[in-house]
C-alpha cells in the first residue's frame, strides 16, 4: 500500500468515499458443502469491513445505515434485510433492486445520500451461487436456500421491459442474439469483412484472458488463445453468429462482492487509513429504455455517449486522463459500443478484471466486482483514475462510474442524462412484418447444439418504420455467416419470414 498525500482538512466532511471492498469466490464441486448466495454476500460484506477497518470491522458493520442488493438468479425476498441482520446492522434500511436497475445507480445513490448528510455509512452487495446450482443439477442433489419473512424497505423497479413483442415473435429471447445483432451493425460500420471481424473479436478477448491471469479473483486464470476463442468446438459452441461461448458472459459462477461507503468524517472517526480511501469523482446514467429494434443506430448508444461526457465534464477531466478502464463485457458489442461512445482506443486495456467471460459474470453483480478490483488497483497508484461502464438489459440502460485514489477539486456529482437522451435519440416505430421489401440493418444466426437454427434480421421498411423477421433456410443462413448482409435488400414473404434479394 502506498502513502497518499492530501489535505483532509480541505475536504467537506460529508465527502463520500469508498473505504472497504471485498470479492468472494468459491469453487466447490460438492453442492452440499457449498454456501448459498446469501452466505457468500454475508462473507463479502464482512470482508469489505475488515478491508476498511481491520480489527474495528464490527463497528463499521453495526453502524451500517443502508444496504442495497441487486436482484440475482436467486429467489430471496429480502436479501438485504437478511444480510444486514447477519452482520449485526440493526435498523439498517434494506433496498432491493430488481433486474433493470443499473448497478452503478445503487453506488451513486449511496454516495449522493452521504454527500447530502442523509447517510453516514452505506453498502452495496451482490452475489450468485450459480455454479453450486449447476453442480446440484448434475449430481441430482436437492438444495434448500434461506428465505425471509420480511420485505425490503424499498424496492427499485424499471419503467419498462427489455424487448418488443415483434422481436420476441421473430425468435429473439436470450441476450446473446440481441448483442450479436448489434455486433453485425458495428462490423458493417467498420467495413470489416466477416473473417477479419472474427479475428478482431478473438484478439480482443484473448487480451481479456491475459488480464484475468493477473486478477486473483478471476474465475478462469489459465488464459486462452485467440484461435480457441474464435473457433467453434465441443466446448466452445457457436451461440449467435459471430459469438461463440467464449464471447459470452459466464454466469455459472459462485461469486459475491461488497462495497462500503462512508463520509470522510466517519472514516476519520473509525480510524480508516487514508490509503484505503477511494473517491467517487462522478456518476452518470441514462434510464431511457429503448428496445433494440427501435434504435436508429444499432451500433451506437446516445445514452452511453451523453452519460460518459457528463461524468467526465463533472470531474473536469477528459478520456485521456483515465488510467484504467473496465468496459462492461457481457458480449463484445457492449465493450465496443462503450469505447465508441467516448472514442476509447480498442487497443488499450479495456478491462481490469479479465471481463465477464474470464473473470466471471455473476448476473446483475459484475459491476460490483469490477469496482472492487478497480479500487484495489487505484490504491496502489496515487492520483490514478478509473472509469467503469454499467449496462442493464440489452444495452437498454447505460451508466459510467468515475473513481480516483485522490480527491478532486470538484465535488462528487451524480447526473441523470435521461432527458437529454430522449431529446437527442429519435425512437423508431416497430411494426409487425408484412409482405414487401425491406433492408437489413442488423442480423445474426442463432445456433442450437452447435447447428444453425434461425437467421434473424432487424430491417428498415420503406415507410421509415422497423420490423424483425427471420429465415430458416439453410442456404440463406450459410450466406449470412459467409458474407456481409447488413445493407442488403430482402423480401418479406409472409407475416414473419423473409428471403434475400
Protein backbone atom coordinates (compact mmCIF):
# COMPACT_ATOMS: atom_id res chain seq x y z
CA UNK A 1 0.00 0.00 0.00
CA UNK A 2 1.30 3.43 -0.94
CA UNK A 3 1.14 6.63 1.07
CA UNK A 4 -1.28 9.30 -0.13
CA UNK A 5 -0.59 12.94 0.50
CA UNK A 6 -3.71 15.10 0.50
CA UNK A 7 -5.09 17.61 2.96
CA UNK A 8 -8.08 16.04 4.66
CA UNK A 9 -8.94 19.32 6.39
CA UNK A 10 -9.64 20.84 2.97
CA UNK A 11 -12.36 18.25 2.26
CA UNK A 12 -16.04 18.63 3.03
CA UNK A 13 -16.65 16.26 5.97
CA UNK A 14 -19.60 14.79 4.03
CA UNK A 15 -17.43 13.89 1.04
CA UNK A 16 -18.39 10.31 0.11
CA UNK A 17 -15.58 7.76 -0.13
CA UNK A 18 -15.34 4.06 -0.86
CA UNK A 19 -13.48 2.59 2.11
CA UNK A 20 -13.97 -1.16 2.02
CA UNK A 21 -14.08 -3.70 -0.81
CA UNK A 22 -14.15 -7.47 -0.97
CA UNK A 23 -14.65 -10.19 -3.54
CA UNK A 24 -15.61 -13.72 -2.53
CA UNK A 25 -15.29 -16.80 -4.71
CA UNK A 26 -16.00 -20.45 -4.09
CA UNK A 27 -15.48 -23.34 -6.49
CA UNK A 28 -16.83 -26.27 -4.51
CA UNK A 29 -17.79 -29.28 -6.61
CA UNK A 30 -19.86 -30.79 -3.80
CA UNK A 31 -23.03 -28.65 -3.74
CA UNK A 32 -23.97 -29.91 -0.27
CA UNK A 33 -20.81 -28.28 1.06
CA UNK A 34 -21.06 -25.06 -0.97
CA UNK A 35 -22.51 -21.90 0.52
CA UNK A 36 -25.66 -20.37 -0.92
CA UNK A 37 -25.57 -16.89 -2.47
CA UNK A 38 -26.85 -15.21 0.69
CA UNK A 39 -23.97 -16.63 2.75
CA UNK A 40 -21.47 -15.51 0.12
CA UNK A 41 -22.89 -11.99 0.31
CA UNK A 42 -22.50 -12.01 4.10
CA UNK A 43 -18.90 -13.12 3.68
CA UNK A 44 -18.30 -10.33 1.17
CA UNK A 45 -19.73 -7.63 3.41
CA UNK A 46 -17.72 -8.82 6.40
CA UNK A 47 -14.63 -8.96 4.19
CA UNK A 48 -15.17 -5.39 2.99
CA UNK A 49 -15.45 -4.21 6.60
CA UNK A 50 -12.19 -5.96 7.51
CA UNK A 51 -10.57 -4.42 4.44
CA UNK A 52 -11.52 -0.97 5.69
CA UNK A 53 -11.10 -1.27 9.45
CA UNK A 54 -9.26 -4.44 10.32
CA UNK A 55 -9.98 -5.21 13.96
CA UNK A 56 -12.59 -2.42 14.12
CA UNK A 57 -14.71 -4.03 11.35
CA UNK A 58 -17.54 -4.71 13.78
CA UNK A 59 -18.06 -1.02 14.47
CA UNK A 60 -18.34 -0.31 10.77
CA UNK A 61 -20.90 -3.08 10.26
CA UNK A 62 -23.07 -2.28 13.26
CA UNK A 63 -23.17 1.35 12.12
CA UNK A 64 -24.37 0.43 8.63
CA UNK A 65 -27.44 2.50 7.82
CA UNK A 66 -28.37 1.33 4.31
CA UNK A 67 -27.71 -1.85 2.36
CA UNK A 68 -28.68 -2.29 -1.30
CA UNK A 69 -28.62 -5.60 -3.19
CA UNK A 70 -29.37 -6.05 -6.91
CA UNK A 71 -31.59 -8.96 -7.93
CA UNK A 72 -29.79 -12.12 -8.98
CA UNK A 73 -30.82 -15.56 -10.23
CA UNK A 74 -31.87 -16.49 -6.70
CA UNK A 75 -35.37 -16.08 -5.22
CA UNK A 76 -34.72 -14.30 -1.93
CA UNK A 77 -37.48 -11.92 -0.84
CA UNK A 78 -35.40 -9.56 1.30
CA UNK A 79 -31.71 -10.44 0.98
CA UNK A 80 -30.52 -7.01 2.11
CA UNK A 81 -32.50 -7.31 5.34
CA UNK A 82 -31.14 -10.81 5.96
CA UNK A 83 -27.52 -9.84 5.28
CA UNK A 84 -27.81 -6.74 7.48
CA UNK A 85 -29.24 -8.82 10.34
CA UNK A 86 -26.47 -11.39 9.99
CA UNK A 87 -23.73 -8.76 10.41
CA UNK A 88 -25.47 -7.02 13.32
CA UNK A 89 -26.63 -3.90 11.49
CA UNK A 90 -29.82 -3.32 13.45
CA UNK A 91 -32.25 -0.88 11.87
CA UNK A 92 -30.38 -0.89 8.56
CA UNK A 93 -32.58 0.29 5.67
CA UNK A 94 -32.86 -2.51 3.09
CA UNK A 95 -33.02 -1.80 -0.66
CA UNK A 96 -33.84 -4.42 -3.28
CA UNK A 97 -33.11 -3.52 -6.91
CA UNK A 98 -34.98 -5.59 -9.49
CA UNK A 99 -33.50 -6.55 -12.85
CA UNK A 100 -33.45 -3.42 -14.97
CA UNK A 101 -31.88 -1.18 -12.33
CA UNK A 102 -28.31 -0.21 -13.15
CA UNK A 103 -25.74 -1.46 -10.66
CA UNK A 104 -23.98 1.88 -10.91
CA UNK A 105 -27.22 3.56 -9.78
CA UNK A 106 -27.01 1.83 -6.39
CA UNK A 107 -23.48 3.10 -5.81
CA UNK A 108 -24.36 6.60 -6.99
CA UNK A 109 -27.42 6.79 -4.74
CA UNK A 110 -25.36 5.75 -1.73
CA UNK A 111 -22.76 8.42 -2.50
CA UNK A 112 -25.41 11.08 -3.04
CA UNK A 113 -27.07 10.28 0.28
CA UNK A 114 -23.73 10.50 2.09
CA UNK A 115 -22.82 13.77 0.39
CA UNK A 116 -26.15 15.31 1.42
CA UNK A 117 -25.74 14.20 5.04
CA UNK A 118 -28.69 11.81 4.80
CA UNK A 119 -26.48 8.78 5.43
CA UNK A 120 -23.16 8.19 7.14
CA UNK A 121 -22.42 4.59 6.11
CA UNK A 122 -23.94 2.58 3.25
CA UNK A 123 -23.08 -0.59 1.39
CA UNK A 124 -23.88 -2.25 -1.91
CA UNK A 125 -23.57 -6.04 -2.03
CA UNK A 126 -24.35 -8.68 -4.63
CA UNK A 127 -23.69 -12.33 -5.26
CA UNK A 128 -24.59 -15.54 -7.05
CA UNK A 129 -24.21 -19.28 -6.45
CA UNK A 130 -24.97 -20.48 -9.98
CA UNK A 131 -22.06 -22.95 -10.02
CA UNK A 132 -23.47 -24.53 -6.85
CA UNK A 133 -26.86 -24.84 -8.54
CA UNK A 134 -25.30 -26.30 -11.68
CA UNK A 135 -23.39 -28.92 -9.68
CA UNK A 136 -26.57 -29.80 -7.81
CA UNK A 137 -28.38 -30.31 -11.10
CA UNK A 138 -25.59 -32.50 -12.48
CA UNK A 139 -25.43 -34.64 -9.33
CA UNK A 140 -29.20 -34.59 -8.74
CA UNK A 141 -28.79 -33.06 -5.28
CA UNK A 142 -31.70 -31.15 -3.74
CA UNK A 143 -30.75 -27.75 -2.32
CA UNK A 144 -32.71 -25.55 0.07
CA UNK A 145 -31.89 -21.87 0.21
CA UNK A 146 -32.73 -19.49 3.02
CA UNK A 147 -35.84 -17.41 2.79
CA UNK A 148 -37.06 -14.29 4.53
CA UNK A 149 -40.37 -13.48 6.17
CA UNK A 150 -39.68 -9.75 5.95
CA UNK A 151 -39.90 -7.46 2.92
CA UNK A 152 -37.39 -4.80 1.80
CA UNK A 153 -37.84 -1.25 2.99
CA UNK A 154 -37.57 -0.12 -0.62
CA UNK A 155 -37.89 -1.91 -3.95
CA UNK A 156 -36.50 -0.29 -7.11
CA UNK A 157 -38.24 -1.25 -10.36
CA UNK A 158 -37.51 -0.43 -14.03
CA UNK A 159 -40.09 1.50 -16.01
CA UNK A 160 -40.40 -0.88 -18.97
CA UNK A 161 -39.47 -4.25 -20.49
CA UNK A 162 -36.20 -5.06 -22.27
CA UNK A 163 -37.70 -6.25 -25.56
CA UNK A 164 -40.51 -5.68 -28.02
CA UNK A 165 -43.14 -8.28 -28.89
CA UNK A 166 -42.10 -8.11 -32.57
CA UNK A 167 -38.54 -9.04 -31.56
CA UNK A 168 -39.86 -11.91 -29.45
CA UNK A 169 -42.13 -13.17 -32.26
CA UNK A 170 -39.10 -13.39 -34.57
CA UNK A 171 -37.27 -15.60 -32.06
CA UNK A 172 -35.13 -13.19 -30.04
CA UNK A 173 -35.12 -14.33 -26.43
CA UNK A 174 -31.63 -14.69 -24.94
CA UNK A 175 -29.33 -11.65 -24.70
CA UNK A 176 -26.68 -13.23 -26.96
CA UNK A 177 -28.98 -12.82 -30.01
CA UNK A 178 -29.62 -9.14 -29.34
CA UNK A 179 -25.95 -8.34 -28.84
CA UNK A 180 -24.90 -10.35 -31.90
CA UNK A 181 -27.23 -8.18 -33.98
CA UNK A 182 -25.56 -5.05 -32.55
CA UNK A 183 -22.22 -6.64 -33.43
CA UNK A 184 -23.21 -7.02 -37.08
CA UNK A 185 -24.01 -3.31 -37.25
CA UNK A 186 -20.62 -2.48 -35.73
CA UNK A 187 -18.89 -4.72 -38.28
CA UNK A 188 -20.70 -3.02 -41.16
CA UNK A 189 -19.82 0.44 -39.81
CA UNK A 190 -16.15 -0.54 -39.64
CA UNK A 191 -16.36 -2.01 -43.16
CA UNK A 192 -14.68 -5.21 -42.00
CA UNK A 193 -15.10 -8.46 -43.86
CA UNK A 194 -16.53 -11.38 -41.91
CA UNK A 195 -13.24 -13.19 -41.23
CA UNK A 196 -11.27 -10.07 -40.29
CA UNK A 197 -14.04 -9.10 -37.91
CA UNK A 198 -13.99 -12.52 -36.24
CA UNK A 199 -10.22 -12.19 -35.83
CA UNK A 200 -10.71 -8.79 -34.18
CA UNK A 201 -13.16 -10.21 -31.64
CA UNK A 202 -10.89 -13.14 -30.85
CA UNK A 203 -7.85 -10.90 -30.36
CA UNK A 204 -9.77 -8.59 -28.03
CA UNK A 205 -10.95 -11.47 -25.86
CA UNK A 206 -7.53 -13.09 -25.82
CA UNK A 207 -6.29 -9.85 -24.25
CA UNK A 208 -9.10 -10.12 -21.69
CA UNK A 209 -7.99 -13.67 -20.86
CA UNK A 210 -4.44 -12.37 -20.30
CA UNK A 211 -5.76 -9.71 -17.90
CA UNK A 212 -7.64 -12.39 -15.96
CA UNK A 213 -4.34 -14.15 -15.27
CA UNK A 214 -3.34 -11.21 -13.05
CA UNK A 215 -6.68 -10.97 -11.25
CA UNK A 216 -6.63 -13.20 -8.16
CA UNK A 217 -10.44 -13.21 -8.10
CA UNK A 218 -10.99 -14.21 -11.74
CA UNK A 219 -12.91 -17.44 -12.34
CA UNK A 220 -10.68 -18.57 -15.25
CA UNK A 221 -7.00 -17.62 -14.91
CA UNK A 222 -5.36 -20.00 -17.37
CA UNK A 223 -5.52 -17.70 -20.39
CA UNK A 224 -6.92 -18.60 -23.79
CA UNK A 225 -5.68 -18.13 -27.33
CA UNK A 226 -7.49 -16.15 -29.99
CA UNK A 227 -7.86 -19.32 -32.03
CA UNK A 228 -9.57 -21.12 -29.15
CA UNK A 229 -11.98 -18.21 -28.68
CA UNK A 230 -12.72 -17.82 -32.38
CA UNK A 231 -13.16 -21.45 -33.37
CA UNK A 232 -16.32 -23.41 -32.56
CA UNK A 233 -15.66 -26.69 -30.76
CA UNK A 234 -17.39 -29.13 -28.44
CA UNK A 235 -16.56 -26.86 -25.51
CA UNK A 236 -16.97 -23.61 -27.44
CA UNK A 237 -20.15 -23.88 -29.44
CA UNK A 238 -21.36 -21.11 -31.70
CA UNK A 239 -24.29 -19.43 -29.94
CA UNK A 240 -25.26 -16.50 -32.16
CA UNK A 241 -23.04 -15.63 -35.09
CA UNK A 242 -20.33 -14.39 -34.73
CA UNK A 243 -20.34 -15.20 -31.00
CA UNK A 244 -19.07 -18.45 -29.58
CA UNK A 245 -19.44 -19.47 -25.94
CA UNK A 246 -16.11 -17.79 -25.13
CA UNK A 247 -17.52 -14.43 -26.24
CA UNK A 248 -20.37 -14.92 -23.80
CA UNK A 249 -20.63 -13.87 -20.16
CA UNK A 250 -20.04 -16.90 -17.93
CA UNK A 251 -22.66 -16.82 -15.18
CA UNK A 252 -22.14 -20.33 -13.80
CA UNK A 253 -20.01 -18.90 -11.00
CA UNK A 254 -20.17 -18.64 -7.23
CA UNK A 255 -19.05 -15.08 -6.61
CA UNK A 256 -20.00 -12.15 -4.41
CA UNK A 257 -18.74 -8.62 -3.91
CA UNK A 258 -19.28 -5.84 -1.39
CA UNK A 259 -18.56 -2.13 -1.38
CA UNK A 260 -18.77 0.00 1.77
CA UNK A 261 -19.12 3.78 1.54
CA UNK A 262 -18.97 6.40 4.23
CA UNK A 263 -18.28 10.08 4.72
CA UNK A 264 -14.80 11.47 5.32
CA UNK A 265 -15.99 12.41 8.81
CA UNK A 266 -16.93 8.84 9.66
CA UNK A 267 -13.85 7.38 8.05
CA UNK A 268 -11.75 9.52 10.37
CA UNK A 269 -13.87 8.64 13.40
CA UNK A 270 -13.47 4.94 12.64
CA UNK A 271 -9.74 5.30 12.03
CA UNK A 272 -9.87 4.05 8.45
CA UNK A 273 -6.44 4.77 6.93
CA UNK A 274 -6.33 7.30 4.10
CA UNK A 275 -4.60 4.81 1.83
CA UNK A 276 -7.86 2.85 1.84
CA UNK A 277 -9.93 5.77 0.61
CA UNK A 278 -11.19 5.79 -2.97
CA UNK A 279 -13.01 8.89 -4.14
CA UNK A 280 -16.06 8.66 -6.40
CA UNK A 281 -15.48 11.60 -8.72
CA UNK A 282 -18.77 11.22 -10.51
CA UNK A 283 -21.53 9.02 -11.82
CA UNK A 284 -23.83 9.47 -14.79
CA UNK A 285 -26.63 7.36 -16.18
CA UNK A 286 -29.39 7.16 -18.74
CA UNK A 287 -32.59 5.39 -17.76
CA UNK A 288 -34.30 5.73 -21.13
CA UNK A 289 -35.38 2.22 -22.10
CA UNK A 290 -35.29 1.84 -25.89
CA UNK A 291 -35.62 -1.65 -27.30
CA UNK A 292 -33.07 -2.82 -29.87
CA UNK A 293 -35.25 -2.60 -32.98
CA UNK A 294 -36.34 0.92 -32.01
CA UNK A 295 -32.81 2.33 -32.07
CA UNK A 296 -31.84 4.46 -35.08
CA UNK A 297 -28.26 3.13 -34.83
CA UNK A 298 -27.91 -0.43 -33.62
CA UNK A 299 -24.14 0.12 -33.31
CA UNK A 300 -24.35 3.19 -31.10
CA UNK A 301 -25.84 4.46 -27.86
CA UNK A 302 -26.78 8.06 -27.21
CA UNK A 303 -27.09 7.20 -23.52
CA UNK A 304 -23.56 5.82 -23.30
CA UNK A 305 -22.17 8.89 -25.08
CA UNK A 306 -24.08 11.55 -23.14
CA UNK A 307 -23.55 9.84 -19.78
CA UNK A 308 -19.84 9.43 -20.49
CA UNK A 309 -19.46 13.05 -21.47
CA UNK A 310 -21.40 14.15 -18.39
CA UNK A 311 -19.33 12.17 -15.88
CA UNK A 312 -16.06 13.45 -17.33
CA UNK A 313 -17.27 17.05 -17.53
CA UNK A 314 -18.48 16.99 -13.92
CA UNK A 315 -14.99 15.96 -12.81
CA UNK A 316 -13.20 18.38 -15.15
CA UNK A 317 -11.47 15.52 -16.97
CA UNK A 318 -11.12 14.06 -20.44
CA UNK A 319 -10.88 10.44 -21.50
CA UNK A 320 -7.10 10.86 -21.93
CA UNK A 321 -6.84 11.46 -18.16
CA UNK A 322 -8.09 7.94 -17.37
CA UNK A 323 -5.55 5.36 -16.23
CA UNK A 324 -7.81 2.30 -16.05
CA UNK A 325 -10.96 1.26 -17.87
CA UNK A 326 -13.41 -1.52 -17.26
CA UNK A 327 -15.95 -1.63 -20.07
CA UNK A 328 -18.94 -3.86 -19.41
CA UNK A 329 -18.26 -7.08 -21.27
CA UNK A 330 -21.33 -9.31 -21.32
CA UNK A 331 -20.60 -9.56 -25.08
CA UNK A 332 -18.05 -7.83 -27.33
CA UNK A 333 -20.65 -5.41 -28.71
CA UNK A 334 -21.12 -3.86 -25.27
CA UNK A 335 -17.37 -3.23 -24.97
CA UNK A 336 -17.12 -1.74 -28.45
CA UNK A 337 -20.20 0.48 -28.17
CA UNK A 338 -18.94 1.99 -24.91
CA UNK A 339 -15.49 2.51 -26.41
CA UNK A 340 -17.11 4.11 -29.46
CA UNK A 341 -19.15 6.40 -27.20
CA UNK A 342 -16.07 8.15 -25.79
CA UNK A 343 -13.52 7.47 -28.50
CA UNK A 344 -11.56 4.96 -26.41
CA UNK A 345 -8.93 3.17 -28.47
CA UNK A 346 -9.73 -0.55 -28.69
CA UNK A 347 -6.00 -1.18 -28.44
CA UNK A 348 -6.00 -0.03 -24.81
CA UNK A 349 -6.53 -2.37 -21.89
CA UNK A 350 -10.34 -2.31 -21.65
CA UNK A 351 -10.85 -4.38 -18.50
CA UNK A 352 -9.23 -4.59 -15.09
CA UNK A 353 -10.85 -7.92 -14.23
CA UNK A 354 -10.49 -10.01 -17.38
CA UNK A 355 -14.07 -9.41 -18.44
CA UNK A 356 -17.22 -11.38 -17.84
CA UNK A 357 -16.07 -14.41 -19.83
CA UNK A 358 -12.92 -14.98 -17.81
CA UNK A 359 -13.28 -13.07 -14.54
CA UNK A 360 -16.86 -14.31 -14.24
CA UNK A 361 -20.19 -12.69 -14.90
CA UNK A 362 -22.50 -13.18 -11.91
CA UNK A 363 -25.89 -11.93 -13.07
CA UNK A 364 -26.56 -8.29 -12.17
CA UNK A 365 -23.49 -8.15 -9.96
CA UNK A 366 -20.43 -7.83 -12.20
CA UNK A 367 -20.06 -4.03 -11.88
CA UNK A 368 -19.59 -4.50 -8.15
CA UNK A 369 -16.78 -6.97 -8.88
CA UNK A 370 -15.21 -4.55 -11.34
CA UNK A 371 -15.43 -1.65 -8.88
CA UNK A 372 -13.81 -3.71 -6.12
CA UNK A 373 -10.97 -4.67 -8.45
CA UNK A 374 -10.62 -1.08 -9.65
CA UNK A 375 -10.37 0.17 -6.07
CA UNK A 376 -7.57 -2.31 -5.35
CA UNK A 377 -5.58 -1.09 -8.36
CA UNK A 378 -6.19 2.59 -7.62
CA UNK A 379 -4.94 2.20 -4.07
CA UNK A 380 -1.56 1.20 -5.47
CA UNK A 381 -1.29 4.17 -7.84
CA UNK A 382 -1.52 7.65 -6.29
CA UNK A 383 -3.81 10.06 -8.16
CA UNK A 384 -4.82 7.38 -10.66
CA UNK A 385 -8.30 7.44 -12.16
CA UNK A 386 -10.55 4.61 -13.29
CA UNK A 387 -13.69 4.63 -15.43
CA UNK A 388 -16.24 1.79 -15.31
CA UNK A 389 -19.25 1.33 -17.56
CA UNK A 390 -22.50 -0.28 -16.48
CA UNK A 391 -25.24 -1.91 -18.54
CA UNK A 392 -28.77 -3.03 -17.86
CA UNK A 393 -30.66 -5.27 -20.25
CA UNK A 394 -29.83 -5.37 -23.96
CA UNK A 395 -27.63 -2.30 -23.57
CA UNK A 396 -31.01 -0.76 -22.74
CA UNK A 397 -29.76 1.49 -19.95
CA UNK A 398 -26.26 2.89 -19.62
CA UNK A 399 -24.06 4.36 -16.89
CA UNK A 400 -20.50 5.27 -16.00
CA UNK A 401 -18.71 5.49 -12.67
CA UNK A 402 -15.52 7.54 -12.27
CA UNK A 403 -13.13 6.78 -9.40
CA UNK A 404 -9.80 8.06 -8.12
CA UNK A 405 -7.27 7.41 -5.37
CA UNK A 406 -7.11 11.18 -4.74
CA UNK A 407 -9.79 13.81 -4.11
CA UNK A 408 -10.87 16.14 -6.88
CA UNK A 409 -11.29 19.89 -6.77
CA UNK A 410 -14.89 19.39 -7.90
CA UNK A 411 -17.42 17.68 -5.65
CA UNK A 412 -18.99 14.32 -6.47
CA UNK A 413 -21.91 14.68 -8.86
CA UNK A 414 -24.48 12.14 -9.98
CA UNK A 415 -26.00 13.06 -13.33
CA UNK A 416 -29.12 11.61 -14.92
CA UNK A 417 -28.95 12.42 -18.63
CA UNK A 418 -32.24 10.71 -19.48
CA UNK A 419 -33.95 13.92 -20.60
CA UNK A 420 -31.06 14.76 -22.93
CA UNK A 421 -31.12 11.25 -24.38
CA UNK A 422 -34.86 11.47 -25.06
CA UNK A 423 -34.34 14.78 -26.82
CA UNK A 424 -31.45 13.52 -28.94
CA UNK A 425 -32.45 9.97 -29.91
CA UNK A 426 -35.40 9.51 -32.23
CA UNK A 427 -37.18 6.28 -31.33
CA UNK A 428 -38.36 4.36 -34.38
CA UNK A 429 -41.73 2.68 -34.61
CA UNK A 430 -41.54 -1.13 -34.69
CA UNK A 431 -44.30 -2.86 -36.62
CA UNK A 432 -45.21 -6.47 -37.34
CA UNK A 433 -43.85 -7.75 -40.66
CA UNK A 434 -45.98 -7.59 -43.78
CA UNK A 435 -45.27 -8.70 -47.35
CA UNK A 436 -42.92 -6.34 -49.18
CA UNK A 437 -39.32 -5.20 -49.45
CA UNK A 438 -37.01 -4.08 -46.64
CA UNK A 439 -33.31 -3.54 -45.90
CA UNK A 440 -31.30 -5.34 -43.22
CA UNK A 441 -29.71 -3.06 -40.60
CA UNK A 442 -28.52 -5.85 -38.27
CA UNK A 443 -28.73 -9.62 -38.09
CA UNK A 444 -27.49 -12.84 -36.55
CA UNK A 445 -27.81 -16.57 -36.99
CA UNK A 446 -28.90 -18.37 -33.83
CA UNK A 447 -27.47 -21.82 -33.17
CA UNK A 448 -28.84 -24.79 -31.30
CA UNK A 449 -26.48 -27.59 -30.32
CA UNK A 450 -23.80 -26.03 -32.47
CA UNK A 451 -26.00 -26.07 -35.59
CA UNK A 452 -27.51 -23.03 -37.35
CA UNK A 453 -31.17 -22.77 -36.47
CA UNK A 454 -32.55 -19.37 -37.44
CA UNK A 455 -31.40 -16.17 -39.15
CA UNK A 456 -32.99 -13.13 -37.51
CA UNK A 457 -32.80 -9.68 -39.11
CA UNK A 458 -33.79 -6.20 -37.97
CA UNK A 459 -34.95 -4.34 -41.08
CA UNK A 460 -35.77 -0.83 -42.23
CA UNK A 461 -39.05 -0.52 -44.10
CA UNK A 462 -39.79 1.97 -46.91
CA UNK A 463 -42.22 3.72 -44.52
CA UNK A 464 -39.36 4.58 -42.13
CA UNK A 465 -40.57 2.03 -39.59
CA UNK A 466 -38.71 -1.04 -38.38
CA UNK A 467 -39.55 -4.71 -38.26
CA UNK A 468 -37.89 -8.00 -37.28
CA UNK A 469 -38.08 -11.10 -39.48
CA UNK A 470 -36.44 -14.49 -39.80
CA UNK A 471 -35.41 -17.23 -42.19
CA UNK A 472 -34.74 -20.90 -41.51
CA UNK A 473 -33.47 -21.73 -45.00
CA UNK A 474 -30.09 -23.44 -44.74
CA UNK A 475 -28.74 -21.76 -47.90
CA UNK A 476 -29.72 -18.31 -46.64
CA UNK A 477 -28.09 -18.89 -43.26
CA UNK A 478 -24.92 -20.08 -44.98
CA UNK A 479 -24.76 -16.84 -46.98
CA UNK A 480 -25.32 -14.78 -43.81
CA UNK A 481 -22.30 -16.25 -41.99
CA UNK A 482 -20.06 -16.00 -45.04
CA UNK A 483 -20.68 -12.51 -46.38
CA UNK A 484 -21.95 -9.19 -45.12
CA UNK A 485 -25.74 -8.90 -45.24
CA UNK A 486 -26.16 -5.56 -43.44
CA UNK A 487 -27.48 -3.17 -46.08
CA UNK A 488 -28.83 -5.99 -48.21
CA UNK A 489 -32.37 -5.82 -49.60
CA UNK A 490 -34.83 -8.55 -48.66
CA UNK A 491 -38.36 -9.54 -49.49
CA UNK A 492 -40.70 -10.28 -46.60
CA UNK A 493 -42.76 -13.20 -47.84
CA UNK A 494 -45.32 -13.53 -45.04
CA UNK A 495 -46.06 -12.19 -41.57
CA UNK A 496 -42.67 -13.38 -40.20
CA UNK A 497 -40.29 -14.76 -42.83
CA UNK A 498 -38.04 -13.21 -45.44
CA UNK A 499 -35.73 -14.12 -48.31
CA UNK A 500 -32.64 -12.35 -49.61
CA UNK A 501 -32.84 -10.42 -52.87
